[in-house]
Amino acid sequence: MSQFKMQDEVEDLIRKLQKIKQRDFPYEYVRDNKDFVTELNKQQLRQGIKSDGAEVTPYYKNFNYKRRTSPVDLYKQGDFYRSFRIVLADDGFYIEARDSKTDWLLKKYGAEVLGINFKSLKILRTTFYLYLQKELRRELNL
């Protein structure tokens, strides 16, 4: 390979890297995978776990309500879960709910019922890294 051809390839790679640097991959990933991210939050709640890793409490008072007192999953007919939305912000993202019971649930159980915990974040990071690897290969034509 001639020195000039190699230099051209390096310069081309540098131009591609500069273009990539301007992209916001985490933002794009969360935007394009909103359902996956909110599903992580729902899976936590099904196990009775908040975003800070604590149990969702207080426990159900009436055993007959769900044939158990815990875990508290905040799921009755699914309206609260279906109302989960991702809100993208300058410093990341957060999960909000827009169900009519949201204010009452957050007051009773805490705002930490919305969001992902460390375990879910590890899953999200793994899937993000796979996405990033694919996007970088595509952008660099590798």
Protein backbone atom coordinates (compact mmCIF):
# COMPACT_ATOMS: atom_id res chain seq x y z
CA MET A 1 0.00 0.00 0.00
CA SER A 2 1.41 3.35 -0.91
CA GLN A 3 2.04 5.90 1.77
CA PHE A 4 -0.41 8.33 0.14
CA LYS A 5 -3.22 5.79 0.01
CA MET A 6 -2.69 4.90 3.65
CA GLN A 7 -2.66 8.59 4.58
CA ASP A 8 -5.93 9.10 2.68
CA GLU A 9 -7.52 6.20 4.58
CA VAL A 10 -6.35 7.59 7.92
CA GLU A 11 -7.69 11.04 7.07
CA ASP A 12 -10.99 9.47 6.01
CA LEU A 13 -11.17 7.61 9.30
CA ILE A 14 -10.46 10.83 11.22
CA ARG A 15 -13.30 12.62 9.37
CA LYS A 16 -15.66 9.77 10.23
CA LEU A 17 -14.59 9.85 13.88
CA GLN A 18 -15.19 13.60 14.04
CA LYS A 19 -18.67 13.07 12.64
CA ILE A 20 -19.32 10.35 15.20
CA LYS A 21 -18.11 12.57 18.04
CA GLN A 22 -20.99 14.93 17.30
CA ARG A 23 -23.63 12.23 17.75
CA ASP A 24 -25.31 11.61 21.07
CA PHE A 25 -25.51 7.81 21.16
CA PRO A 26 -27.01 7.41 24.68
CA TYR A 27 -29.78 9.89 23.85
CA GLU A 28 -30.52 8.14 20.54
CA TYR A 29 -30.49 4.72 22.18
CA VAL A 30 -32.96 5.64 24.93
CA ARG A 31 -35.17 7.52 22.45
CA ASP A 32 -35.30 4.50 20.16
CA ASN A 33 -35.74 1.95 22.98
CA LYS A 34 -38.28 3.65 25.23
CA ASP A 35 -40.42 0.53 25.57
CA PHE A 36 -37.43 -1.55 26.68
CA VAL A 37 -36.41 1.02 29.30
CA THR A 38 -39.91 1.34 30.74
CA GLU A 39 -40.21 -2.46 30.74
CA LEU A 40 -37.15 -2.62 33.00
CA ASN A 41 -38.98 -0.36 35.46
CA LYS A 42 -42.10 -2.53 35.26
CA GLN A 43 -40.09 -5.71 35.87
CA GLN A 44 -38.65 -4.17 39.03
CA LEU A 45 -42.10 -3.23 40.27
CA ARG A 46 -43.44 -6.72 39.59
CA GLN A 47 -40.76 -7.87 42.04
CA GLY A 48 -41.68 -5.12 44.50
CA ILE A 49 -38.40 -3.20 44.04
CA LYS A 50 -37.94 0.57 43.69
CA SER A 51 -35.28 2.40 41.69
CA ASP A 52 -33.18 2.83 44.85
CA GLY A 53 -33.22 -0.93 45.42
CA ALA A 54 -35.58 -0.75 48.42
CA GLU A 55 -38.77 -2.77 48.67
CA VAL A 56 -42.01 -1.09 47.74
CA THR A 57 -43.74 -0.49 51.07
CA PRO A 58 -46.09 -0.27 52.90
CA TYR A 59 -47.20 -3.81 52.21
CA TYR A 60 -50.77 -4.57 51.15
CA LYS A 61 -53.03 -4.50 54.22
CA ASN A 62 -55.68 -6.80 52.83
CA PHE A 63 -54.34 -10.29 52.11
CA ASN A 64 -57.39 -11.03 49.95
CA TYR A 65 -56.52 -8.16 47.60
CA LYS A 66 -53.76 -10.14 45.85
CA ARG A 67 -53.62 -13.26 48.05
CA ARG A 68 -50.43 -11.83 49.53
CA THR A 69 -49.15 -8.83 51.46
CA SER A 70 -45.97 -8.47 49.43
CA PRO A 71 -44.35 -7.86 47.03
CA VAL A 72 -46.24 -4.67 46.36
CA ASP A 73 -46.28 -4.38 42.58
CA LEU A 74 -48.64 -1.39 42.09
CA TYR A 75 -50.48 -3.34 39.41
CA LYS A 76 -54.23 -3.66 39.56
CA GLN A 77 -55.58 -3.22 36.05
CA GLY A 78 -52.37 -2.05 34.38
CA ASP A 79 -53.28 1.61 33.82
CA PHE A 80 -50.36 2.88 35.92
CA TYR A 81 -47.86 0.66 34.07
CA ARG A 82 -49.28 1.58 30.65
CA SER A 83 -48.89 5.26 31.45
CA PHE A 84 -45.07 5.06 31.83
CA ARG A 85 -43.23 7.45 29.56
CA ILE A 86 -39.58 8.32 29.00
CA VAL A 87 -38.69 11.98 29.28
CA LEU A 88 -35.37 12.89 27.69
CA ALA A 89 -33.47 15.67 29.44
CA ASP A 90 -30.13 17.41 28.93
CA ASP A 91 -28.55 15.35 31.69
CA GLY A 92 -30.13 11.98 30.85
CA PHE A 93 -33.67 10.69 31.07
CA TYR A 94 -36.33 9.92 33.60
CA ILE A 95 -39.49 7.87 33.70
CA GLU A 96 -42.82 9.47 34.45
CA ALA A 97 -46.34 8.09 34.75
CA ARG A 98 -49.51 9.85 33.69
CA ASP A 99 -52.20 7.67 35.19
CA SER A 100 -54.92 9.28 37.30
CA LYS A 101 -53.56 7.44 40.36
CA THR A 102 -49.94 8.52 39.86
CA ASP A 103 -49.88 11.36 42.38
CA TRP A 104 -51.51 9.19 45.04
CA LEU A 105 -49.16 6.25 44.37
CA LEU A 106 -46.04 8.44 44.47
CA LYS A 107 -47.17 10.05 47.71
CA LYS A 108 -47.89 6.68 49.33
CA TYR A 109 -44.96 4.62 47.96
CA GLY A 110 -42.39 7.26 47.02
CA ALA A 111 -41.11 8.76 43.77
CA GLU A 112 -38.52 5.96 43.64
CA VAL A 113 -41.13 3.59 42.18
CA LEU A 114 -40.34 5.34 38.90
CA GLY A 115 -36.86 4.77 37.52
CA ILE A 116 -34.44 1.91 37.13
CA ASN A 117 -32.25 0.40 39.81
CA PHE A 118 -28.61 -0.67 39.60
CA LYS A 119 -29.45 -4.18 38.34
CA SER A 120 -31.63 -2.78 35.55
CA LEU A 121 -29.00 -0.17 34.75
CA LYS A 122 -26.45 -2.97 34.20
CA ILE A 123 -28.84 -4.61 31.73
CA LEU A 124 -29.39 -1.27 30.01
CA ARG A 125 -25.65 -0.65 29.78
CA THR A 126 -25.05 -4.08 28.23
CA THR A 127 -27.67 -3.54 25.55
CA PHE A 128 -26.41 0.01 24.98
CA TYR A 129 -22.82 -1.20 24.47
CA LEU A 130 -24.02 -3.70 21.87
CA TYR A 131 -25.96 -0.92 20.14
CA LEU A 132 -22.93 1.40 20.30
CA GLN A 133 -20.64 -1.25 18.86
CA LYS A 134 -23.03 -1.83 15.95
CA GLU A 135 -23.43 1.91 15.30
CA LEU A 136 -19.68 2.55 15.37
CA ARG A 137 -19.03 -0.27 12.93
CA ARG A 138 -21.75 1.05 10.66
CA GLU A 139 -20.47 4.64 10.82
CA LEU A 140 -16.86 3.58 10.22
CA ASN A 141 -17.78 1.05 7.53
CA LEU A 142 -15.99 -1.74 9.36
